[in-house]
Amino acid sequence: MGMKSAAQTVIGLIVDDWWMGIGLVLSMVLTKVLMTNGVSPEEASWLFLILVVATLVLSLYTEYRKKTR
């Protein structure tokens, strides 16, 4: 049950939370642009990871603020 609940939460965040959706799309686009401009795949993947984690933190923070109001 725990894994199914976690998957539903992640899908809900992506679908319902526009911060998450926009952040993921921008992370992918920025990483692709950097890779086509000569950034190594290793550096681009680290940047992508940082951007995705930052997006997740921002999304969870905004959800927390909504719940506490």
Protein backbone atom coordinates (compact mmCIF):
# COMPACT_ATOMS: atom_id res chain seq x y z
CA MET A 1 0.00 0.00 0.00
CA GLY A 2 2.80 2.44 0.76
CA MET A 3 4.32 2.39 -2.72
CA LYS A 4 0.93 2.88 -4.38
CA SER A 5 0.20 5.83 -2.10
CA ALA A 6 3.59 7.40 -2.89
CA ALA A 7 3.03 6.99 -6.63
CA GLN A 8 -0.42 8.58 -6.37
CA THR A 9 1.09 11.51 -4.45
CA VAL A 10 3.78 12.08 -7.09
CA ILE A 11 1.28 11.88 -9.94
CA GLY A 12 -1.05 14.23 -8.07
CA LEU A 13 1.73 16.75 -7.59
CA ILE A 14 2.64 16.72 -11.27
CA VAL A 15 -0.96 16.98 -12.48
CA ASP A 16 -2.41 19.33 -9.85
CA ASP A 17 0.56 21.47 -8.96
CA TRP A 18 1.57 23.88 -11.68
CA TRP A 19 4.86 24.65 -9.89
CA MET A 20 5.89 21.03 -10.35
CA GLY A 21 4.79 20.83 -13.98
CA ILE A 22 6.45 24.09 -15.04
CA GLY A 23 9.59 23.32 -13.05
CA LEU A 24 10.04 19.91 -14.64
CA VAL A 25 9.49 21.22 -18.16
CA LEU A 26 11.89 24.13 -17.62
CA SER A 27 14.49 21.79 -16.13
CA MET A 28 14.32 19.51 -19.16
CA VAL A 29 14.44 22.38 -21.66
CA LEU A 30 17.34 24.12 -19.90
CA THR A 31 19.31 20.88 -19.68
CA LYS A 32 18.75 20.15 -23.38
CA VAL A 33 19.77 23.67 -24.39
CA LEU A 34 22.94 23.45 -22.32
CA MET A 35 23.84 20.06 -23.78
CA THR A 36 23.43 21.35 -27.34
CA ASN A 37 25.70 24.29 -26.47
CA GLY A 38 28.62 22.15 -25.40
CA VAL A 39 28.02 21.35 -21.72
CA SER A 40 29.08 17.80 -20.94
CA PRO A 41 26.32 15.27 -20.25
CA GLU A 42 27.66 14.68 -16.74
CA GLU A 43 27.48 18.38 -15.83
CA ALA A 44 24.06 18.72 -17.44
CA SER A 45 22.73 15.73 -15.52
CA TRP A 46 23.94 17.19 -12.22
CA LEU A 47 22.27 20.49 -13.07
CA PHE A 48 19.08 18.65 -14.00
CA LEU A 49 19.12 16.81 -10.67
CA ILE A 50 19.58 20.07 -8.75
CA LEU A 51 16.76 21.75 -10.67
CA VAL A 52 14.36 18.85 -10.15
CA VAL A 53 15.09 18.72 -6.42
CA ALA A 54 14.62 22.50 -6.17
CA THR A 55 11.31 22.17 -8.04
CA LEU A 56 10.17 19.44 -5.67
CA VAL A 57 11.10 21.50 -2.61
CA LEU A 58 9.27 24.55 -3.98
CA SER A 59 6.21 22.46 -4.81
CA LEU A 60 6.11 20.80 -1.40
CA TYR A 61 6.58 24.18 0.31
CA THR A 62 3.67 25.73 -1.56
CA GLU A 63 1.47 22.71 -0.77
CA TYR A 64 2.46 22.98 2.90
CA ARG A 65 1.56 26.67 2.93
CA LYS A 66 -1.84 25.88 1.38
CA LYS A 67 -2.57 23.23 4.03
CA THR A 68 -1.57 25.44 6.96
CA ARG A 69 -3.78 28.37 5.95
